[in-house]
Protein backbone atom coordinates (compact mmCIF):
# COMPACT_ATOMS: atom_id res chain seq x y z
CA MET A 1 -29.36 -5.32 -12.81
CA GLN A 2 -25.61 -4.94 -12.29
CA THR A 3 -23.31 -3.18 -14.73
CA THR A 4 -19.68 -2.13 -14.92
CA ASN A 5 -20.36 0.41 -17.66
CA THR A 6 -20.40 3.83 -15.97
CA GLU A 7 -22.27 5.28 -18.98
CA ASN A 8 -25.38 3.49 -17.70
CA LEU A 9 -25.13 4.97 -14.21
CA PHE A 10 -26.24 8.31 -12.82
CA ARG A 11 -23.17 10.46 -12.17
CA THR A 12 -22.71 14.00 -10.95
CA GLU A 13 -21.03 16.59 -13.14
CA SER A 14 -18.00 16.66 -10.83
CA ALA A 15 -17.67 12.86 -11.04
CA ILE A 16 -17.72 13.05 -14.84
CA LYS A 17 -15.04 15.78 -14.80
CA ASP A 18 -12.89 13.73 -12.40
CA GLU A 19 -13.13 10.69 -14.66
CA GLU A 20 -12.19 12.72 -17.73
CA ALA A 21 -9.21 14.23 -15.87
CA ARG A 22 -8.04 10.76 -14.84
CA LYS A 23 -8.28 9.55 -18.43
CA ARG A 24 -6.17 12.49 -19.62
CA LYS A 25 -3.64 11.85 -16.88
CA ALA A 26 -3.46 8.15 -17.75
CA ASP A 27 -2.77 9.08 -21.37
CA ARG A 28 -0.05 11.58 -20.41
CA MET A 29 1.68 9.16 -18.07
CA LYS A 30 1.18 5.96 -20.06
CA ASP A 31 4.93 5.42 -20.58
CA ILE A 32 6.29 6.71 -17.26
CA GLY A 33 7.64 4.14 -14.81
CA GLU A 34 7.67 1.34 -17.40
CA PRO A 35 4.07 0.36 -16.56
CA ILE A 36 3.00 -3.27 -16.56
CA ALA A 37 -0.72 -3.24 -17.32
CA VAL A 38 -3.08 -5.92 -16.00
CA ASP A 39 -6.73 -6.56 -16.79
CA SER A 40 -8.26 -5.30 -13.54
CA LYS A 41 -7.63 -3.09 -10.52
CA ILE A 42 -4.67 -3.99 -8.30
CA ILE A 43 -5.95 -4.16 -4.74
CA LYS A 44 -2.77 -5.55 -3.21
CA ALA A 45 0.70 -6.39 -4.51
CA VAL A 46 3.63 -8.24 -2.96
CA VAL A 47 7.19 -8.22 -4.34
CA GLN A 48 9.45 -11.25 -3.87
CA GLY A 49 12.68 -11.64 -5.78
CA ASP A 50 12.19 -10.53 -9.38
CA GLU A 51 8.46 -11.16 -9.27
CA ALA A 52 5.34 -9.27 -8.23
CA TRP A 53 2.21 -11.05 -7.06
CA THR A 54 -1.06 -9.12 -7.37
CA ALA A 55 -4.52 -9.49 -5.84
CA GLU A 56 -7.01 -8.07 -8.31
CA SER A 57 -10.63 -6.98 -8.58
CA GLY A 58 -11.07 -9.40 -11.48
CA HIS A 59 -11.32 -12.35 -9.03
CA ILE A 60 -7.76 -13.52 -9.69
CA ALA A 61 -4.25 -13.48 -8.32
CA ARG A 62 -1.40 -12.91 -10.77
CA ARG A 63 2.33 -13.63 -10.88
CA VAL A 64 4.38 -11.15 -12.95
CA ASP A 65 8.05 -11.20 -13.97
CA LEU A 66 9.33 -7.68 -13.31
CA LYS A 67 12.32 -8.12 -15.63
CA THR A 68 10.42 -9.33 -18.72
CA ARG A 69 7.21 -7.45 -17.71
CA LYS A 70 5.18 -10.54 -18.62
CA THR A 71 2.46 -12.39 -16.73
CA LEU A 72 3.82 -15.80 -15.76
CA GLN A 73 0.69 -17.28 -14.23
CA ILE A 74 -2.90 -16.41 -13.34
CA TYR A 75 -4.46 -18.11 -10.32
CA LYS A 76 -8.24 -18.55 -10.42
CA GLY A 77 -10.71 -19.95 -7.93
CA HIS A 78 -12.34 -17.02 -6.16
CA LYS A 79 -15.77 -15.76 -7.16
CA GLY A 80 -15.20 -12.22 -5.93
CA PRO A 81 -12.44 -9.62 -5.88
CA VAL A 82 -9.20 -10.88 -4.35
CA THR A 83 -8.48 -8.32 -1.63
CA CYS A 84 -5.23 -9.58 -0.12
CA LEU A 85 -2.47 -12.13 -0.58
CA ALA A 86 0.69 -13.36 1.08
CA LEU A 87 3.54 -15.75 0.26
CA TYR A 88 4.63 -18.21 2.92
CA ASN A 89 7.54 -20.67 2.95
CA LEU A 90 6.27 -23.82 4.65
CA VAL A 91 9.08 -25.77 6.34
CA SER A 92 8.56 -29.54 6.39
CA PRO A 93 9.86 -31.82 9.17
CA ASP A 94 12.67 -32.97 6.86
CA GLY A 95 13.86 -29.36 6.48
CA SER A 96 12.61 -28.85 2.93
CA THR A 97 10.48 -25.81 2.09
CA GLU A 98 7.61 -25.18 -0.27
CA LEU A 99 6.01 -21.90 -1.25
CA LEU A 100 2.39 -21.31 -0.37
CA LEU A 101 0.25 -18.57 -1.92
CA ILE A 102 -2.45 -17.40 0.52
CA THR A 103 -5.29 -15.30 -0.88
CA GLY A 104 -8.32 -13.68 0.71
CA SER A 105 -11.55 -12.58 -0.96
CA TRP A 106 -15.09 -11.48 -0.37
CA ASP A 107 -16.69 -14.27 -2.40
CA LYS A 108 -20.37 -13.57 -2.82
CA VAL A 109 -22.75 -16.51 -3.13
CA TRP A 110 -25.99 -16.60 -5.12
CA PRO A 111 -28.57 -16.92 -3.72
CA PRO A 112 -27.04 -14.67 -1.07
CA LYS A 113 -26.37 -16.05 2.38
CA LEU A 114 -26.00 -13.28 4.96
CA GLY A 115 -24.70 -10.98 2.23
CA GLY A 116 -21.70 -13.14 1.35
CA HIS A 117 -18.78 -14.53 3.31
CA MET A 118 -15.05 -14.21 3.65
CA VAL A 119 -13.06 -16.93 1.93
CA THR A 120 -9.36 -17.65 2.30
CA ASP A 121 -7.61 -20.06 -0.07
CA ILE A 122 -4.16 -21.54 0.36
CA ALA A 123 -2.42 -22.81 -2.75
CA ARG A 124 0.67 -25.00 -2.91
CA LEU A 125 2.92 -23.96 -5.81
CA ASN A 126 5.16 -26.42 -7.56
CA SER A 127 8.84 -25.77 -8.27
CA ASP A 128 8.22 -23.79 -11.46
CA HIS A 129 5.14 -22.01 -10.03
CA GLN A 130 3.18 -22.93 -13.17
CA ASN A 131 0.48 -24.91 -11.38
CA MET A 132 -1.07 -24.85 -7.96
CA GLU A 133 -3.03 -27.19 -5.75
CA TYR A 134 -5.51 -25.80 -3.27
CA ILE A 135 -4.99 -27.13 0.24
CA GLU A 136 -7.99 -28.28 2.27
CA THR A 137 -10.49 -26.25 0.30
CA GLN A 138 -13.32 -28.58 1.33
CA LYS A 139 -12.23 -28.92 4.96
CA PRO A 140 -11.66 -25.83 7.13
CA LEU A 141 -8.16 -25.28 8.47
CA HIS A 142 -7.58 -25.77 12.16
CA GLN A 143 -8.19 -22.50 14.03
CA LEU A 144 -5.52 -21.76 16.61
CA THR A 145 -7.34 -18.88 18.27
CA SER A 146 -9.83 -16.06 17.76
CA LEU A 147 -9.23 -12.42 18.63
CA SER A 148 -12.44 -10.67 19.61
CA GLY A 149 -12.25 -7.09 20.76
CA HIS A 150 -12.70 -4.84 17.76
CA THR A 151 -16.17 -3.40 17.17
CA ARG A 152 -15.42 -2.47 13.54
CA PRO A 153 -13.86 -4.39 10.62
CA VAL A 154 -10.15 -5.17 11.03
CA GLU A 155 -8.27 -3.60 8.11
CA ALA A 156 -4.58 -4.16 8.94
CA LEU A 157 -2.27 -6.57 10.79
CA ALA A 158 1.39 -6.28 11.79
CA TYR A 159 4.01 -8.38 13.50
CA SER A 160 7.79 -8.37 13.75
CA ASP A 161 10.50 -10.76 14.90
CA ASP A 162 11.91 -7.78 16.85
CA VAL A 163 8.95 -8.08 19.23
CA PRO A 164 8.25 -11.84 19.44
CA ASN A 165 4.80 -13.28 20.13
CA THR A 166 3.15 -9.91 19.50
CA LEU A 167 0.42 -9.07 17.02
CA LEU A 168 -1.03 -5.63 16.19
CA THR A 169 -4.48 -5.20 14.67
CA GLY A 170 -6.02 -2.00 13.28
CA ASP A 171 -9.67 -1.38 12.42
CA SER A 172 -11.80 1.00 10.37
CA MET A 173 -12.42 3.30 13.35
CA GLY A 174 -8.73 4.07 13.91
CA VAL A 175 -8.32 1.66 16.84
CA ILE A 176 -5.09 -0.32 17.26
CA LYS A 177 -4.90 -3.28 19.62
CA VAL A 178 -1.73 -5.03 20.80
CA TRP A 179 -2.02 -8.76 21.54
CA SER A 180 0.34 -11.19 23.24
CA LEU A 181 0.26 -14.66 21.70
CA GLU A 182 1.15 -17.69 23.81
CA ASN A 183 1.57 -21.18 22.36
CA ARG A 184 -0.38 -23.96 24.02
CA TRP A 185 0.77 -27.25 22.58
CA ALA A 186 -1.44 -30.28 22.29
CA SER A 187 -1.79 -32.35 25.43
CA SER A 188 -1.92 -35.56 23.40
CA PRO A 189 -1.00 -36.70 19.87
CA GLU A 190 -4.70 -36.80 18.99
CA SER A 191 -5.43 -33.19 19.97
CA LEU A 192 -4.39 -30.05 18.07
CA PRO A 193 -2.37 -27.15 19.51
CA THR A 194 -3.98 -23.82 20.36
CA VAL A 195 -2.79 -20.25 20.97
CA LYS A 196 -3.88 -18.03 23.83
CA ALA A 197 -4.29 -14.38 22.84
CA ARG A 198 -4.20 -11.74 25.59
CA LEU A 199 -5.02 -8.07 24.94
CA LEU A 200 -2.16 -5.87 26.16
CA GLU A 201 -3.18 -2.44 24.98
CA HIS A 202 -5.93 -0.52 23.23
CA SER A 203 -5.33 2.86 21.60
CA THR A 204 -6.89 5.21 19.05
CA PRO A 205 -3.99 7.05 17.37
CA HIS A 206 -6.11 7.98 14.33
CA ALA A 207 -9.49 9.65 13.90
CA THR A 208 -10.62 7.20 11.20
CA GLY A 209 -9.65 3.87 9.66
CA ILE A 210 -6.23 2.21 9.74
CA ASN A 211 -5.17 1.27 6.19
CA ASP A 212 -1.67 -0.03 6.89
CA LEU A 213 0.53 -1.07 9.81
CA ILE A 214 4.27 -1.68 9.49
CA LEU A 215 6.30 -2.87 12.47
CA THR A 216 10.02 -2.89 11.69
CA SER A 217 13.36 -2.14 13.36
CA GLY A 218 11.69 -1.04 16.58
CA TYR A 219 9.31 1.46 14.97
CA LEU A 220 5.61 1.37 14.14
CA TRP A 221 4.38 3.09 10.98
CA THR A 222 0.67 3.65 10.43
CA ALA A 223 -1.36 4.96 7.48
CA SER A 224 -4.93 6.15 7.88
CA THR A 225 -7.92 7.51 6.02
CA ASP A 226 -7.73 10.57 8.30
CA GLN A 227 -5.08 11.83 5.82
CA THR A 228 -2.12 11.16 8.09
CA ALA A 229 0.66 8.64 8.53
CA THR A 230 2.49 8.35 11.83
CA LEU A 231 5.79 7.06 13.17
CA ARG A 232 6.38 6.07 16.79
CA PRO A 233 8.87 3.85 18.63
CA PHE A 234 7.65 0.36 19.46
CA ARG A 235 10.23 -1.54 21.47
CA SER A 236 7.98 -3.31 23.94
CA GLN A 237 4.58 -4.95 23.98
CA SER A 238 2.94 -1.86 25.44
CA SER A 239 4.13 1.37 23.90
CA ILE A 240 1.31 2.71 21.74
CA ALA A 241 -0.28 6.04 22.57
CA PRO A 242 -2.51 8.47 20.68
CA ALA A 243 -0.74 11.09 18.60
CA SER A 244 -1.95 13.72 21.08
CA SER A 245 -0.13 12.05 23.98
CA SER A 246 2.69 14.21 25.31
CA ASN A 247 4.66 11.38 26.96
CA ILE A 248 5.45 9.46 23.76
CA SER A 249 7.73 10.49 20.90
CA HIS A 250 5.94 10.41 17.58
CA HIS A 251 5.79 12.18 14.26
CA ILE A 252 2.77 12.89 12.06
CA PHE A 253 2.99 13.10 8.26
CA GLU A 254 0.00 15.11 7.05
CA HIS A 255 -1.49 14.75 3.58
CA LYS A 256 -4.43 16.09 1.58
CA GLU A 257 -5.86 12.63 0.84
CA PRO A 258 -6.11 9.35 2.77
CA ALA A 259 -2.79 7.60 3.37
CA ARG A 260 -3.17 4.09 2.00
CA CYS A 261 0.18 2.37 2.50
CA VAL A 262 3.69 2.86 3.86
CA LEU A 263 7.04 1.39 2.83
CA ALA A 264 10.03 1.77 5.16
CA VAL A 265 13.29 1.02 3.33
CA ALA A 266 15.82 -0.59 5.66
CA HIS A 267 19.36 0.61 5.01
CA LYS A 268 21.33 -0.56 8.00
CA LEU A 269 20.67 -1.88 11.47
CA ARG A 270 18.06 0.22 13.30
CA CYS A 271 18.16 2.87 10.60
CA MET A 272 15.63 3.41 7.82
CA PRO A 273 16.75 6.52 5.98
CA TYR A 274 13.80 6.49 3.59
CA VAL A 275 10.07 6.01 3.92
CA LEU A 276 7.51 6.14 1.12
CA ILE A 277 3.88 7.01 1.77
CA ALA A 278 1.12 6.56 -0.81
CA THR A 279 -1.71 9.08 -0.55
CA GLY A 280 -4.27 9.15 -3.34
CA ASP A 281 -2.48 8.93 -6.70
CA VAL A 282 0.71 10.33 -5.18
CA ILE A 283 3.80 8.66 -3.69
CA ARG A 284 5.95 10.79 -1.39
CA LEU A 285 9.54 9.95 -0.47
CA TYR A 286 10.95 11.19 2.85
CA ASP A 287 14.43 11.11 4.34
CA VAL A 288 13.83 10.17 7.98
CA GLU A 289 17.36 9.33 9.08
CA ASP A 290 17.68 12.46 11.24
CA LEU A 291 14.23 11.83 12.70
CA LEU A 292 15.17 8.31 13.76
CA LYS A 293 18.48 9.52 15.18
CA TYR A 294 16.48 11.98 17.26
CA GLU A 295 14.24 9.17 18.53
CA ASP A 296 17.27 7.02 19.43
CA ASP A 297 19.31 9.85 20.93
CA GLU A 298 20.13 9.28 24.58
CA ASP A 299 22.31 12.38 24.88
CA ASP A 300 20.48 14.87 27.10
CA THR A 301 23.14 17.59 26.86
CA GLU A 302 21.47 19.24 23.85
CA ASP A 303 18.55 21.55 24.37
CA ALA A 304 15.11 20.40 23.20
CA ALA A 305 14.91 22.96 20.38
CA THR A 306 18.16 21.71 18.82
CA LYS A 307 16.97 18.12 19.00
CA LEU A 308 13.62 19.04 17.45
CA ARG A 309 15.25 20.79 14.50
CA ARG A 310 17.53 17.84 13.95
CA GLY A 311 14.55 15.50 14.13
CA VAL A 312 12.55 16.88 11.21
CA PRO A 313 12.08 14.59 8.18
CA ARG A 314 12.76 15.95 4.71
CA MET A 315 10.45 15.26 1.76
CA LEU A 316 12.78 14.44 -1.14
CA CYS A 317 10.30 14.11 -3.98
CA GLU A 318 6.73 13.44 -5.01
CA ILE A 319 5.68 11.00 -7.75
CA ASP A 320 2.32 11.82 -9.30
CA VAL A 321 2.04 9.37 -12.18
CA HIS A 322 -0.71 6.85 -11.38
CA SER A 323 -4.20 7.91 -12.47
CA GLN A 324 -5.96 6.05 -9.64
CA PRO A 325 -5.07 5.62 -5.94
CA VAL A 326 -1.87 3.73 -5.17
CA THR A 327 -2.66 0.63 -3.10
CA SER A 328 0.72 -1.08 -2.65
CA LEU A 329 4.42 -0.33 -2.40
CA GLY A 330 7.25 -2.87 -2.48
CA ILE A 331 11.03 -3.03 -2.73
CA TRP A 332 12.71 -4.80 -5.66
CA LYS A 333 16.45 -5.51 -5.62
CA LYS A 334 17.03 -5.18 -9.34
CA GLU A 335 20.18 -6.70 -10.81
CA THR A 336 22.18 -4.16 -12.86
CA PRO A 337 25.75 -4.10 -14.23
CA GLU A 338 26.70 -2.21 -11.06
CA GLY A 339 25.11 -4.90 -8.86
CA ALA A 340 21.78 -5.15 -7.05
CA THR A 341 20.13 -1.75 -6.68
CA PRO A 342 16.88 -0.95 -4.80
CA TRP A 343 13.85 -0.08 -6.93
CA ILE A 344 10.38 0.80 -5.70
CA VAL A 345 7.40 -1.06 -7.18
CA SER A 346 3.98 0.60 -6.96
CA GLY A 347 0.60 -0.98 -7.66
CA SER A 348 -2.55 1.02 -8.27
CA LEU A 349 -6.26 0.85 -8.90
CA ASP A 350 -5.43 2.14 -12.39
CA GLY A 351 -4.41 -1.46 -13.19
CA THR A 352 -0.66 -0.89 -13.53
CA LEU A 353 2.54 -1.88 -11.78
CA ARG A 354 5.33 0.69 -12.14
CA HIS A 355 8.87 0.78 -10.81
CA TRP A 356 11.24 3.56 -9.82
CA ASP A 357 14.98 3.77 -9.13
CA LEU A 358 15.24 4.69 -5.44
CA ALA A 359 18.64 6.36 -5.87
CA GLU A 360 17.28 8.67 -8.57
CA LEU A 361 14.21 9.51 -6.49
CA ALA A 362 16.41 10.32 -3.49
CA ALA A 363 18.44 12.63 -5.74
CA GLY A 364 15.26 14.46 -6.71
CA LYS A 365 15.07 13.06 -10.25
CA VAL A 366 11.31 12.75 -10.56
CA PRO A 367 9.99 11.13 -13.77
CA MET A 368 7.84 13.55 -15.73
CA ALA A 369 5.87 13.46 -18.95
CA THR A 370 7.45 15.42 -21.79
CA PRO A 371 5.55 18.46 -23.12
CA SER A 372 4.56 16.50 -26.21
CA GLN A 373 3.12 13.79 -23.96
CA SER A 374 1.33 16.13 -21.63
CA ASP A 375 -0.84 18.39 -23.75
CA GLU A 376 -0.68 17.43 -27.42
CA GLY A 377 -3.76 15.74 -28.72
CA THR A 378 -5.74 16.06 -25.48
CA GLY A 379 -7.78 19.04 -26.56
CA GLN A 380 -6.94 20.66 -23.23
CA PRO A 381 -5.33 24.08 -22.76
CA ALA A 382 -1.72 24.19 -21.58
CA GLU A 383 -1.04 25.32 -18.03
CA GLY A 384 -1.86 29.00 -17.63
CA GLU A 385 -3.87 29.11 -20.88
CA LYS A 386 -7.57 29.87 -20.72
CA LEU A 387 -10.30 28.31 -22.80
CA SER A 388 -12.22 30.78 -24.94
CA ALA A 389 -15.63 30.30 -26.55
CA LEU A 390 -14.80 32.95 -29.20
CA THR A 391 -13.39 32.30 -32.64
CA GLU A 392 -10.11 33.89 -33.71
CA GLU A 393 -11.96 36.54 -35.78
CA GLU A 394 -14.26 37.34 -32.84
CA GLU A 395 -11.23 37.65 -30.58
CA ARG A 396 -9.73 40.27 -32.97
CA GLU A 397 -13.00 42.26 -33.13
CA LEU A 398 -13.25 42.23 -29.34
CA ALA A 399 -9.63 43.46 -29.06
CA GLU A 400 -10.36 46.32 -31.49
CA LEU A 401 -13.45 47.39 -29.53
CA MET A 402 -11.51 47.31 -26.26
CA SER A 403 -8.72 49.44 -27.78
CA GLU A 404 -11.23 52.04 -29.07
CA GLU A 405 -12.62 52.45 -25.58
């Protein structure tokens, strides 16, 4: 028998306390960040324009208008949790484009066949995005190539136009592989093209699984379940080294919980002054402009100690509002009377999308629950106050006895 009701399951006392604490936190923070609530856990979210697209545990993908905070469309078809999604602009031979929604899921089949299988659906969206047509759902898509080399499940992929024909893959054991992709076009009109994949490099920069890989502006960001995120230059097809390597510049961001995702906010060419890292329920914002200047610095006249001090990132703020782990971070260019301003959109397993003004976060203005929101009506003591099993009268009698002694 399967159930989603935790009341019917055996749970430890600590698990029950954690769940109660999360419920209290969700109640305290229910209005912070203008939350957009959905019906299930958000496993992945992508922001494009004024819309957020979510992959959810409720077997659906969802399209949300961030301005009106309303669900515009729900996409069904999977029979298991939707674990990932991507939007792709398909360019036709005539130069026109159409938007494709690509979703991935672990769709379980009953009776089970080898424990279930991975399913990827591609949907063609019409001009108003209100309907979709699945493409080749009965016929498998043509496979260009297969990358075999990992011994554990692949959890993250990364590519960048800065490093053409290069793909990075990260697995659940902390291994990152760098691949060179070479097009091999069809030899005849009847045959289909293929891609040759060649392994360039194999490295283990993390002790455990890779949750996120971001390759942008010549830098590689990684997030791992070993409670760290790392930054290292990546300007060629072979420049990855473990964090312990002494011949490669890198920086490690340490946390108390697994790092799930990273968002590097591009500000100007080859400069990302801000990076956001999600670890557990918390989002941390760092100013890394000095760190990246240090990486790019070709001036050898300064001593190493001066460079090192100048190359330290600064944590600007910490957002602890979600009541479940944050799974996705995205950038939203929100239109305001002053023009387009960058906002951060966060998605979480607590089933909410929330957004934050990046300028306010950088200035240290962290959204907080008011005192009336935080402790009233929860039945919990305020910070620094102890719970007592004695009544008020018993407290007075105890005080009198203590004073007599």
